Amino acid sequence: SISPLPSGIQSDVTYSGVFGENLTSQVNGVNTSFITLNDFYPPSLSVFVNGLRQANSDITITDSDEFSTAFVLISGDTLSVDYQIAHSGYFHTHSQYTLLSAVYTRDQTDTL
């Protein structure tokens, strides 16, 4: 499950981690959008260029398996990512449930 959670939220969502996924083959000197092998839990994404972690302010998540950088990587740069994959489960916040399947979220009512 996610830890720590904000006060009042319970979770039975499980995650598995991906560490050092190499995306260097997508670096071409023009591209600023990159696709991971899996859908990821957005807050968990860490992007590394030439082994240095990039600031969150330089990364924009554009899809459940895609992000863009605020800069162009040049030929010879390496790109890797760490992230968590969300597996099916539920977040419970007071009277509202959010169903997670991968990272796609859908609000549900208490009648689940």
PDB file of N, CA and C in Angstrom:
ATOM      1  N   SER A   1       0.829  -1.195   0.000  1.00  0.00           N
ATOM      2  CA  SER A   1       0.000   0.000   0.000  1.00  0.00           C
ATOM      3  C   SER A   1       0.866   1.247   0.000  1.00  0.00           C
ATOM      4  N   ILE A   2       0.254   2.387  -0.288  1.00  0.00           N
ATOM      5  CA  ILE A   2       0.982   3.649  -0.338  1.00  0.00           C
ATOM      6  C   ILE A   2       1.259   4.123   1.075  1.00  0.00           C
ATOM      7  N   SER A   3       2.422   4.647   1.282  1.00  0.00           N
ATOM      8  CA  SER A   3       2.764   5.181   2.591  1.00  0.00           C
ATOM      9  C   SER A   3       3.691   6.360   2.400  1.00  0.00           C
ATOM     10  N   PRO A   4       3.505   7.463   3.081  1.00  0.00           N
ATOM     11  CA  PRO A   4       2.367   7.721   3.966  1.00  0.00           C
ATOM     12  C   PRO A   4       1.194   8.272   3.175  1.00  0.00           C
ATOM     13  N   LEU A   5       0.001   8.024   3.670  1.00  0.00           N
ATOM     14  CA  LEU A   5      -1.218   8.557   3.069  1.00  0.00           C
ATOM     15  C   LEU A   5      -1.677   9.770   3.853  1.00  0.00           C
ATOM     16  N   PRO A   6      -2.356  10.701   3.177  1.00  0.00           N
ATOM     17  CA  PRO A   6      -2.932  11.831   3.909  1.00  0.00           C
ATOM     18  C   PRO A   6      -3.924  11.343   4.953  1.00  0.00           C
ATOM     19  N   SER A   7      -4.136  12.134   5.958  1.00  0.00           N
ATOM     20  CA  SER A   7      -5.062  11.791   7.031  1.00  0.00           C
ATOM     21  C   SER A   7      -6.445  11.506   6.472  1.00  0.00           C
ATOM     22  N   GLY A   8      -7.093  10.461   6.971  1.00  0.00           N
ATOM     23  CA  GLY A   8      -8.451  10.138   6.567  1.00  0.00           C
ATOM     24  C   GLY A   8      -8.558   9.262   5.342  1.00  0.00           C
ATOM     25  N   ILE A   9      -7.429   8.847   4.772  1.00  0.00           N
ATOM     26  CA  ILE A   9      -7.464   8.010   3.578  1.00  0.00           C
ATOM     27  C   ILE A   9      -6.923   6.633   3.927  1.00  0.00           C
ATOM     28  N   GLN A  10      -7.676   5.612   3.540  1.00  0.00           N
ATOM     29  CA  GLN A  10      -7.231   4.235   3.715  1.00  0.00           C
ATOM     30  C   GLN A  10      -6.988   3.651   2.334  1.00  0.00           C
ATOM     31  N   SER A  11      -6.068   2.713   2.245  1.00  0.00           N
ATOM     32  CA  SER A  11      -5.756   2.145   0.948  1.00  0.00           C
ATOM     33  C   SER A  11      -5.442   0.669   1.050  1.00  0.00           C
ATOM     34  N   ASP A  12      -5.914  -0.086   0.069  1.00  0.00           N
ATOM     35  CA  ASP A  12      -5.445  -1.454  -0.070  1.00  0.00           C
ATOM     36  C   ASP A  12      -4.873  -1.649  -1.470  1.00  0.00           C
ATOM     37  N   VAL A  13      -4.447  -0.541  -2.082  1.00  0.00           N
ATOM     38  CA  VAL A  13      -3.793  -0.583  -3.381  1.00  0.00           C
ATOM     39  C   VAL A  13      -2.381  -1.114  -3.179  1.00  0.00           C
ATOM     40  N   THR A  14      -1.941  -2.003  -4.057  1.00  0.00           N
ATOM     41  CA  THR A  14      -0.577  -2.506  -3.984  1.00  0.00           C
ATOM     42  C   THR A  14       0.227  -1.992  -5.173  1.00  0.00           C
ATOM     43  N   TYR A  15       1.500  -1.821  -4.959  1.00  0.00           N
ATOM     44  CA  TYR A  15       2.395  -1.280  -5.976  1.00  0.00           C
ATOM     45  C   TYR A  15       3.605  -2.172  -6.134  1.00  0.00           C
ATOM     46  N   SER A  16       4.171  -2.156  -7.322  1.00  0.00           N
ATOM     47  CA  SER A  16       5.472  -2.768  -7.523  1.00  0.00           C
ATOM     48  C   SER A  16       6.355  -1.716  -8.178  1.00  0.00           C
ATOM     49  N   GLY A  17       7.625  -1.760  -7.879  1.00  0.00           N
ATOM     50  CA  GLY A  17       8.536  -0.733  -8.364  1.00  0.00           C
ATOM     51  C   GLY A  17       9.291  -1.156  -9.607  1.00  0.00           C
ATOM     52  N   VAL A  18       9.536  -0.177 -10.469  1.00  0.00           N
ATOM     53  CA  VAL A  18      10.400  -0.344 -11.628  1.00  0.00           C
ATOM     54  C   VAL A  18      11.564   0.619 -11.406  1.00  0.00           C
ATOM     55  N   PHE A  19      12.777   0.103 -11.464  1.00  0.00           N
ATOM     56  CA  PHE A  19      13.949   0.918 -11.182  1.00  0.00           C
ATOM     57  C   PHE A  19      14.935   0.828 -12.344  1.00  0.00           C
ATOM     58  N   GLY A  20      15.368   1.985 -12.824  1.00  0.00           N
ATOM     59  CA  GLY A  20      16.385   2.028 -13.871  1.00  0.00           C
ATOM     60  C   GLY A  20      15.908   1.599 -15.242  1.00  0.00           C
ATOM     61  N   GLU A  21      14.610   1.787 -15.539  1.00  0.00           N
ATOM     62  CA  GLU A  21      14.136   1.453 -16.884  1.00  0.00           C
ATOM     63  C   GLU A  21      14.844   2.360 -17.883  1.00  0.00           C
ATOM     64  N   ASN A  22      15.525   1.765 -18.827  1.00  0.00           N
ATOM     65  CA  ASN A  22      16.354   2.512 -19.777  1.00  0.00           C
ATOM     66  C   ASN A  22      15.524   2.959 -20.975  1.00  0.00           C
ATOM     67  N   LEU A  23      15.397   4.278 -21.158  1.00  0.00           N
ATOM     68  CA  LEU A  23      14.647   4.839 -22.281  1.00  0.00           C
ATOM     69  C   LEU A  23      15.567   5.534 -23.283  1.00  0.00           C
ATOM     70  N   THR A  24      16.861   5.290 -23.174  1.00  0.00           N
ATOM     71  CA  THR A  24      17.851   5.970 -24.008  1.00  0.00           C
ATOM     72  C   THR A  24      17.583   5.775 -25.497  1.00  0.00           C
ATOM     73  N   SER A  25      17.017   4.647 -25.893  1.00  0.00           N
ATOM     74  CA  SER A  25      16.745   4.404 -27.314  1.00  0.00           C
ATOM     75  C   SER A  25      15.754   5.409 -27.898  1.00  0.00           C
ATOM     76  N   GLN A  26      15.008   6.127 -27.036  1.00  0.00           N
ATOM     77  CA  GLN A  26      14.050   7.124 -27.499  1.00  0.00           C
ATOM     78  C   GLN A  26      14.666   8.514 -27.650  1.00  0.00           C
ATOM     79  N   VAL A  27      15.913   8.673 -27.195  1.00  0.00           N
ATOM     80  CA  VAL A  27      16.608   9.966 -27.281  1.00  0.00           C
ATOM     81  C   VAL A  27      17.121  10.135 -28.707  1.00  0.00           C
ATOM     82  N   ASN A  28      16.712  11.250 -29.368  1.00  0.00           N
ATOM     83  CA  ASN A  28      17.126  11.455 -30.757  1.00  0.00           C
ATOM     84  C   ASN A  28      17.548  12.891 -31.072  1.00  0.00           C
ATOM     85  N   GLY A  29      17.682  13.734 -30.064  1.00  0.00           N
ATOM     86  CA  GLY A  29      18.086  15.117 -30.303  1.00  0.00           C
ATOM     87  C   GLY A  29      16.935  16.044 -30.648  1.00  0.00           C
ATOM     88  N   VAL A  30      15.730  15.517 -30.797  1.00  0.00           N
ATOM     89  CA  VAL A  30      14.550  16.315 -31.134  1.00  0.00           C
ATOM     90  C   VAL A  30      13.415  16.025 -30.160  1.00  0.00           C
ATOM     91  N   ASN A  31      13.235  14.757 -29.831  1.00  0.00           N
ATOM     92  CA  ASN A  31      12.128  14.277 -29.014  1.00  0.00           C
ATOM     93  C   ASN A  31      12.169  14.833 -27.588  1.00  0.00           C
ATOM     94  N   THR A  32      11.027  15.290 -27.085  1.00  0.00           N
ATOM     95  CA  THR A  32      10.912  15.672 -25.676  1.00  0.00           C
ATOM     96  C   THR A  32       9.865  14.833 -24.958  1.00  0.00           C
ATOM     97  N   SER A  33       9.201  13.916 -25.688  1.00  0.00           N
ATOM     98  CA  SER A  33       8.207  13.020 -25.097  1.00  0.00           C
ATOM     99  C   SER A  33       8.756  11.603 -25.090  1.00  0.00           C
ATOM    100  N   PHE A  34       8.507  10.902 -23.976  1.00  0.00           N
ATOM    101  CA  PHE A  34       9.063   9.571 -23.803  1.00  0.00           C
ATOM    102  C   PHE A  34       8.003   8.651 -23.221  1.00  0.00           C
ATOM    103  N   ILE A  35       8.040   7.381 -23.627  1.00  0.00           N
ATOM    104  CA  ILE A  35       7.037   6.404 -23.225  1.00  0.00           C
ATOM    105  C   ILE A  35       7.696   5.299 -22.411  1.00  0.00           C
ATOM    106  N   THR A  36       7.095   4.991 -21.264  1.00  0.00           N
ATOM    107  CA  THR A  36       7.586   3.914 -20.411  1.00  0.00           C
ATOM    108  C   THR A  36       6.960   2.581 -20.846  1.00  0.00           C
ATOM    109  N   LEU A  37       7.510   1.491 -20.366  1.00  0.00           N
ATOM    110  CA  LEU A  37       6.981   0.172 -20.711  1.00  0.00           C
ATOM    111  C   LEU A  37       5.667  -0.133 -20.011  1.00  0.00           C
ATOM    112  N   ASN A  38       5.401   0.560 -18.896  1.00  0.00           N
ATOM    113  CA  ASN A  38       4.212   0.301 -18.085  1.00  0.00           C
ATOM    114  C   ASN A  38       3.514   1.608 -17.755  1.00  0.00           C
ATOM    115  N   ASP A  39       2.208   1.518 -17.449  1.00  0.00           N
ATOM    116  CA  ASP A  39       1.512   2.654 -16.857  1.00  0.00           C
ATOM    117  C   ASP A  39       2.086   2.849 -15.459  1.00  0.00           C
ATOM    118  N   PHE A  40       2.239   4.094 -15.039  1.00  0.00           N
ATOM    119  CA  PHE A  40       2.845   4.350 -13.728  1.00  0.00           C
ATOM    120  C   PHE A  40       1.959   5.224 -12.857  1.00  0.00           C
ATOM    121  N   TYR A  41       2.203   5.126 -11.551  1.00  0.00           N
ATOM    122  CA  TYR A  41       1.547   5.986 -10.567  1.00  0.00           C
ATOM    123  C   TYR A  41       2.248   7.337 -10.658  1.00  0.00           C
ATOM    124  N   PRO A  42       1.570   8.400 -11.142  1.00  0.00           N
ATOM    125  CA  PRO A  42       2.227   9.661 -11.484  1.00  0.00           C
ATOM    126  C   PRO A  42       3.165  10.254 -10.429  1.00  0.00           C
ATOM    127  N   PRO A  43       2.774  10.333  -9.143  1.00  0.00           N
ATOM    128  CA  PRO A  43       3.704  10.952  -8.190  1.00  0.00           C
ATOM    129  C   PRO A  43       5.002  10.171  -7.981  1.00  0.00           C
ATOM    130  N   SER A  44       5.051   8.933  -8.444  1.00  0.00           N
ATOM    131  CA  SER A  44       6.235   8.113  -8.207  1.00  0.00           C
ATOM    132  C   SER A  44       7.312   8.263  -9.273  1.00  0.00           C
ATOM    133  N   LEU A  45       7.016   8.936 -10.380  1.00  0.00           N
ATOM    134  CA  LEU A  45       7.964   9.015 -11.490  1.00  0.00           C
ATOM    135  C   LEU A  45       9.201   9.834 -11.126  1.00  0.00           C
ATOM    136  N   SER A  46      10.364   9.237 -11.318  1.00  0.00           N
ATOM    137  CA  SER A  46      11.652   9.932 -11.192  1.00  0.00           C
ATOM    138  C   SER A  46      12.387   9.758 -12.506  1.00  0.00           C
ATOM    139  N   VAL A  47      12.853  10.870 -13.070  1.00  0.00           N
ATOM    140  CA  VAL A  47      13.524  10.866 -14.370  1.00  0.00           C
ATOM    141  C   VAL A  47      14.994  11.207 -14.155  1.00  0.00           C
ATOM    142  N   PHE A  48      15.871  10.417 -14.805  1.00  0.00           N
ATOM    143  CA  PHE A  48      17.312  10.608 -14.671  1.00  0.00           C
ATOM    144  C   PHE A  48      17.928  10.815 -16.053  1.00  0.00           C
ATOM    145  N   VAL A  49      18.651  11.902 -16.207  1.00  0.00           N
ATOM    146  CA  VAL A  49      19.387  12.173 -17.441  1.00  0.00           C
ATOM    147  C   VAL A  49      20.866  12.119 -17.107  1.00  0.00           C
ATOM    148  N   ASN A  50      21.577  11.249 -17.802  1.00  0.00           N
ATOM    149  CA  ASN A  50      23.007  11.043 -17.545  1.00  0.00           C
ATOM    150  C   ASN A  50      23.265  10.743 -16.065  1.00  0.00           C
ATOM    151  N   GLY A  51      22.331  10.012 -15.459  1.00  0.00           N
ATOM    152  CA  GLY A  51      22.464   9.594 -14.069  1.00  0.00           C
ATOM    153  C   GLY A  51      22.036  10.616 -13.040  1.00  0.00           C
ATOM    154  N   LEU A  52      21.648  11.808 -13.470  1.00  0.00           N
ATOM    155  CA  LEU A  52      21.239  12.867 -12.537  1.00  0.00           C
ATOM    156  C   LEU A  52      19.718  12.994 -12.523  1.00  0.00           C
ATOM    157  N   ARG A  53      19.150  12.950 -11.317  1.00  0.00           N
ATOM    158  CA  ARG A  53      17.695  13.083 -11.198  1.00  0.00           C
ATOM    159  C   ARG A  53      17.270  14.481 -11.611  1.00  0.00           C
ATOM    160  N   GLN A  54      16.205  14.541 -12.406  1.00  0.00           N
ATOM    161  CA  GLN A  54      15.704  15.817 -12.905  1.00  0.00           C
ATOM    162  C   GLN A  54      14.628  16.379 -11.984  1.00  0.00           C
ATOM    163  N   ALA A  55      14.553  17.692 -11.922  1.00  0.00           N
ATOM    164  CA  ALA A  55      13.559  18.367 -11.076  1.00  0.00           C
ATOM    165  C   ALA A  55      12.161  18.085 -11.604  1.00  0.00           C
ATOM    166  N   ASN A  56      11.210  17.878 -10.694  1.00  0.00           N
ATOM    167  CA  ASN A  56       9.824  17.644 -11.090  1.00  0.00           C
ATOM    168  C   ASN A  56       9.284  18.778 -11.953  1.00  0.00           C
ATOM    169  N   SER A  57       9.767  19.988 -11.733  1.00  0.00           N
ATOM    170  CA  SER A  57       9.290  21.135 -12.505  1.00  0.00           C
ATOM    171  C   SER A  57       9.700  21.056 -13.980  1.00  0.00           C
ATOM    172  N   ASP A  58      10.669  20.197 -14.309  1.00  0.00           N
ATOM    173  CA  ASP A  58      11.105  20.020 -15.696  1.00  0.00           C
ATOM    174  C   ASP A  58      10.424  18.841 -16.385  1.00  0.00           C
ATOM    175  N   ILE A  59       9.538  18.146 -15.657  1.00  0.00           N
ATOM    176  CA  ILE A  59       8.879  16.951 -16.180  1.00  0.00           C
ATOM    177  C   ILE A  59       7.367  17.161 -16.158  1.00  0.00           C
ATOM    178  N   THR A  60       6.705  16.849 -17.259  1.00  0.00           N
ATOM    179  CA  THR A  60       5.254  16.922 -17.346  1.00  0.00           C
ATOM    180  C   THR A  60       4.727  15.539 -17.710  1.00  0.00           C
ATOM    181  N   ILE A  61       3.823  15.021 -16.912  1.00  0.00           N
ATOM    182  CA  ILE A  61       3.215  13.727 -17.204  1.00  0.00           C
ATOM    183  C   ILE A  61       2.066  13.979 -18.180  1.00  0.00           C
ATOM    184  N   THR A  62       2.128  13.341 -19.335  1.00  0.00           N
ATOM    185  CA  THR A  62       1.161  13.595 -20.395  1.00  0.00           C
ATOM    186  C   THR A  62       0.181  12.451 -20.610  1.00  0.00           C
ATOM    187  N   ASP A  63       0.487  11.271 -20.081  1.00  0.00           N
ATOM    188  CA  ASP A  63      -0.404  10.114 -20.191  1.00  0.00           C
ATOM    189  C   ASP A  63       0.006   9.122 -19.117  1.00  0.00           C
ATOM    190  N   SER A  64      -0.727   8.030 -19.004  1.00  0.00           N
ATOM    191  CA  SER A  64      -0.451   7.058 -17.950  1.00  0.00           C
ATOM    192  C   SER A  64       0.880   6.332 -18.140  1.00  0.00           C
ATOM    193  N   ASP A  65       1.451   6.423 -19.337  1.00  0.00           N
ATOM    194  CA  ASP A  65       2.751   5.803 -19.602  1.00  0.00           C
ATOM    195  C   ASP A  65       3.692   6.746 -20.344  1.00  0.00           C
ATOM    196  N   GLU A  66       3.414   8.044 -20.270  1.00  0.00           N
ATOM    197  CA  GLU A  66       4.181   8.998 -21.064  1.00  0.00           C
ATOM    198  C   GLU A  66       4.457  10.280 -20.281  1.00  0.00           C
ATOM    199  N   PHE A  67       5.629  10.847 -20.516  1.00  0.00           N
ATOM    200  CA  PHE A  67       5.996  12.122 -19.906  1.00  0.00           C
ATOM    201  C   PHE A  67       6.801  12.923 -20.919  1.00  0.00           C
ATOM    202  N   SER A  68       6.897  14.217 -20.675  1.00  0.00           N
ATOM    203  CA  SER A  68       7.733  15.061 -21.524  1.00  0.00           C
ATOM    204  C   SER A  68       8.685  15.859 -20.641  1.00  0.00           C
ATOM    205  N   THR A  69       9.785  16.242 -21.256  1.00  0.00           N
ATOM    206  CA  THR A  69      10.786  17.050 -20.562  1.00  0.00           C
ATOM    207  C   THR A  69      10.723  18.480 -21.083  1.00  0.00           C
ATOM    208  N   ALA A  70      11.152  19.414 -20.265  1.00  0.00           N
ATOM    209  CA  ALA A  70      11.169  20.824 -20.651  1.00  0.00           C
ATOM    210  C   ALA A  70      12.406  21.149 -21.482  1.00  0.00           C
ATOM    211  N   PHE A  71      13.160  20.140 -21.846  1.00  0.00           N
ATOM    212  CA  PHE A  71      14.419  20.315 -22.582  1.00  0.00           C
ATOM    213  C   PHE A  71      14.593  19.144 -23.541  1.00  0.00           C
ATOM    214  N   VAL A  72      15.447  19.337 -24.520  1.00  0.00           N
ATOM    215  CA  VAL A  72      15.744  18.290 -25.496  1.00  0.00           C
ATOM    216  C   VAL A  72      17.008  17.563 -25.065  1.00  0.00           C
ATOM    217  N   LEU A  73      16.951  16.245 -25.069  1.00  0.00           N
ATOM    218  CA  LEU A  73      18.142  15.448 -24.799  1.00  0.00           C
ATOM    219  C   LEU A  73      18.886  15.268 -26.117  1.00  0.00           C
ATOM    220  N   ILE A  74      20.202  15.352 -26.057  1.00  0.00           N
ATOM    221  CA  ILE A  74      20.991  15.252 -27.278  1.00  0.00           C
ATOM    222  C   ILE A  74      21.589  13.854 -27.423  1.00  0.00           C
ATOM    223  N   SER A  75      22.014  13.548 -28.611  1.00  0.00           N
ATOM    224  CA  SER A  75      22.637  12.261 -28.880  1.00  0.00           C
ATOM    225  C   SER A  75      23.790  12.042 -27.902  1.00  0.00           C
ATOM    226  N   GLY A  76      23.816  10.883 -27.297  1.00  0.00           N
ATOM    227  CA  GLY A  76      24.837  10.573 -26.294  1.00  0.00           C
ATOM    228  C   GLY A  76      24.320  10.695 -24.872  1.00  0.00           C
ATOM    229  N   ASP A  77      23.197  11.418 -24.670  1.00  0.00           N
ATOM    230  CA  ASP A  77      22.589  11.497 -23.335  1.00  0.00           C
ATOM    231  C   ASP A  77      21.933  10.155 -23.014  1.00  0.00           C
ATOM    232  N   THR A  78      21.937   9.802 -21.743  1.00  0.00           N
ATOM    233  CA  THR A  78      21.213   8.611 -21.306  1.00  0.00           C
ATOM    234  C   THR A  78      19.962   9.052 -20.560  1.00  0.00           C
ATOM    235  N   LEU A  79      18.910   8.252 -20.657  1.00  0.00           N
ATOM    236  CA  LEU A  79      17.635   8.548 -20.014  1.00  0.00           C
ATOM    237  C   LEU A  79      17.127   7.284 -19.338  1.00  0.00           C
ATOM    238  N   SER A  80      16.856   7.390 -18.056  1.00  0.00           N
ATOM    239  CA  SER A  80      16.257   6.267 -17.334  1.00  0.00           C
ATOM    240  C   SER A  80      15.219   6.794 -16.357  1.00  0.00           C
ATOM    241  N   VAL A  81      14.331   5.902 -15.931  1.00  0.00           N
ATOM    242  CA  VAL A  81      13.252   6.289 -15.029  1.00  0.00           C
ATOM    243  C   VAL A  81      13.050   5.237 -13.953  1.00  0.00           C
ATOM    244  N   ASP A  82      12.561   5.694 -12.815  1.00  0.00           N
ATOM    245  CA  ASP A  82      12.062   4.850 -11.738  1.00  0.00           C
ATOM    246  C   ASP A  82      10.599   5.222 -11.551  1.00  0.00           C
ATOM    247  N   TYR A  83       9.753   4.236 -11.250  1.00  0.00           N
ATOM    248  CA  TYR A  83       8.347   4.532 -10.973  1.00  0.00           C
ATOM    249  C   TYR A  83       7.695   3.337 -10.313  1.00  0.00           C
ATOM    250  N   GLN A  84       6.491   3.565  -9.825  1.00  0.00           N
ATOM    251  CA  GLN A  84       5.692   2.489  -9.246  1.00  0.00           C
ATOM    252  C   GLN A  84       4.508   2.198 -10.149  1.00  0.00           C
ATOM    253  N   ILE A  85       4.180   0.918 -10.245  1.00  0.00           N
ATOM    254  CA  ILE A  85       3.017   0.472 -11.002  1.00  0.00           C
ATOM    255  C   ILE A  85       1.909   0.189  -9.994  1.00  0.00           C
ATOM    256  N   ALA A  86       0.770   0.830 -10.192  1.00  0.00           N
ATOM    257  CA  ALA A  86      -0.377   0.583  -9.307  1.00  0.00           C
ATOM    258  C   ALA A  86      -1.135  -0.625  -9.810  1.00  0.00           C
ATOM    259  N   HIS A  87      -1.432  -1.540  -8.911  1.00  0.00           N
ATOM    260  CA  HIS A  87      -2.260  -2.691  -9.229  1.00  0.00           C
ATOM    261  C   HIS A  87      -3.663  -2.410  -8.722  1.00  0.00           C
ATOM    262  N   SER A  88      -4.628  -3.164  -9.135  1.00  0.00           N
ATOM    263  CA  SER A  88      -6.010  -2.905  -8.743  1.00  0.00           C
ATOM    264  C   SER A  88      -6.163  -2.836  -7.233  1.00  0.00           C
ATOM    265  N   GLY A  89      -7.010  -1.934  -6.794  1.00  0.00           N
ATOM    266  CA  GLY A  89      -7.293  -1.758  -5.381  1.00  0.00           C
ATOM    267  C   GLY A  89      -8.162  -0.533  -5.189  1.00  0.00           C
ATOM    268  N   TYR A  90      -8.351  -0.157  -3.941  1.00  0.00           N
ATOM    269  CA  TYR A  90      -9.228   0.969  -3.650  1.00  0.00           C
ATOM    270  C   TYR A  90      -8.586   1.942  -2.680  1.00  0.00           C
ATOM    271  N   PHE A  91      -8.845   3.231  -2.919  1.00  0.00           N
ATOM    272  CA  PHE A  91      -8.613   4.266  -1.926  1.00  0.00           C
ATOM    273  C   PHE A  91      -9.977   4.561  -1.321  1.00  0.00           C
ATOM    274  N   HIS A  92     -10.047   4.748  -0.036  1.00  0.00           N
ATOM    275  CA  HIS A  92     -11.313   5.102   0.596  1.00  0.00           C
ATOM    276  C   HIS A  92     -11.127   6.453   1.274  1.00  0.00           C
ATOM    277  N   THR A  93     -11.907   7.428   0.854  1.00  0.00           N
ATOM    278  CA  THR A  93     -11.870   8.753   1.465  1.00  0.00           C
ATOM    279  C   THR A  93     -13.281   9.094   1.909  1.00  0.00           C
ATOM    280  N   HIS A  94     -13.525   8.989   3.187  1.00  0.00           N
ATOM    281  CA  HIS A  94     -14.828   9.277   3.763  1.00  0.00           C
ATOM    282  C   HIS A  94     -15.926   8.520   3.026  1.00  0.00           C
ATOM    283  N   SER A  95     -16.736   9.163   2.168  1.00  0.00           N
ATOM    284  CA  SER A  95     -17.852   8.486   1.527  1.00  0.00           C
ATOM    285  C   SER A  95     -17.600   8.240   0.038  1.00  0.00           C
ATOM    286  N   GLN A  96     -16.350   8.353  -0.394  1.00  0.00           N
ATOM    287  CA  GLN A  96     -16.070   8.214  -1.820  1.00  0.00           C
ATOM    288  C   GLN A  96     -14.959   7.195  -2.036  1.00  0.00           C
ATOM    289  N   TYR A  97     -15.114   6.345  -3.023  1.00  0.00           N
ATOM    290  CA  TYR A  97     -14.092   5.371  -3.379  1.00  0.00           C
ATOM    291  C   TYR A  97     -13.502   5.753  -4.733  1.00  0.00           C
ATOM    292  N   THR A  98     -12.248   5.512  -4.902  1.00  0.00           N
ATOM    293  CA  THR A  98     -11.631   5.659  -6.210  1.00  0.00           C
ATOM    294  C   THR A  98     -11.041   4.318  -6.585  1.00  0.00           C
ATOM    295  N   LEU A  99     -11.503   3.751  -7.662  1.00  0.00           N
ATOM    296  CA  LEU A  99     -11.007   2.472  -8.148  1.00  0.00           C
ATOM    297  C   LEU A  99      -9.763   2.717  -8.979  1.00  0.00           C
ATOM    298  N   LEU A 100      -8.717   1.960  -8.701  1.00  0.00           N
ATOM    299  CA  LEU A 100      -7.505   2.079  -9.494  1.00  0.00           C
ATOM    300  C   LEU A 100      -7.296   0.794 -10.280  1.00  0.00           C
ATOM    301  N   SER A 101      -7.088   0.929 -11.537  1.00  0.00           N
ATOM    302  CA  SER A 101      -6.672  -0.179 -12.376  1.00  0.00           C
ATOM    303  C   SER A 101      -5.518   0.377 -13.177  1.00  0.00           C
ATOM    304  N   ALA A 102      -4.321  -0.089 -12.886  1.00  0.00           N
ATOM    305  CA  ALA A 102      -3.091   0.564 -13.343  1.00  0.00           C
ATOM    306  C   ALA A 102      -3.144   1.967 -12.758  1.00  0.00           C
ATOM    307  N   VAL A 103      -3.053   3.024 -13.556  1.00  0.00           N
ATOM    308  CA  VAL A 103      -3.172   4.364 -12.987  1.00  0.00           C
ATOM    309  C   VAL A 103      -4.424   5.076 -13.479  1.00  0.00           C
ATOM    310  N   TYR A 104      -5.284   4.374 -14.186  1.00  0.00           N
ATOM    311  CA  TYR A 104      -6.531   4.989 -14.600  1.00  0.00           C
ATOM    312  C   TYR A 104      -7.448   5.070 -13.396  1.00  0.00           C
ATOM    313  N   THR A 105      -7.963   6.239 -13.114  1.00  0.00           N
ATOM    314  CA  THR A 105      -8.833   6.391 -11.955  1.00  0.00           C
ATOM    315  C   THR A 105     -10.257   6.682 -12.410  1.00  0.00           C
ATOM    316  N   ARG A 106     -11.190   6.236 -11.606  1.00  0.00           N
ATOM    317  CA  ARG A 106     -12.600   6.432 -11.905  1.00  0.00           C
ATOM    318  C   ARG A 106     -13.320   6.547 -10.567  1.00  0.00           C
ATOM    319  N   ASP A 107     -14.027   7.639 -10.373  1.00  0.00           N
ATOM    320  CA  ASP A 107     -14.767   7.811  -9.125  1.00  0.00           C
ATOM    321  C   ASP A 107     -15.951   6.857  -9.079  1.00  0.00           C
ATOM    322  N   GLN A 108     -16.150   6.242  -7.929  1.00  0.00           N
ATOM    323  CA  GLN A 108     -17.243   5.321  -7.721  1.00  0.00           C
ATOM    324  C   GLN A 108     -18.075   5.821  -6.539  1.00  0.00           C
ATOM    325  N   THR A 109     -19.301   5.362  -6.460  1.00  0.00           N
ATOM    326  CA  THR A 109     -20.120   5.710  -5.308  1.00  0.00           C
ATOM    327  C   THR A 109     -19.967   4.631  -4.245  1.00  0.00           C
ATOM    328  N   ASP A 110     -20.613   4.840  -3.105  1.00  0.00           N
ATOM    329  CA  ASP A 110     -20.534   3.869  -2.011  1.00  0.00           C
ATOM    330  C   ASP A 110     -21.220   2.560  -2.340  1.00  0.00           C
ATOM    331  N   THR A 111     -21.901   2.452  -3.477  1.00  0.00           N
ATOM    332  CA  THR A 111     -22.642   1.244  -3.817  1.00  0.00           C
ATOM    333  C   THR A 111     -21.779   0.181  -4.473  1.00  0.00           C
ATOM    334  N   LEU A 112     -20.483   0.315  -4.415  1.00  0.00           N
ATOM    335  CA  LEU A 112     -19.597  -0.688  -5.034  1.00  0.00           C
ATOM    336  C   LEU A 112     -19.863  -2.014  -4.496  1.00  0.00           C
TER     337      LEU A 112
END
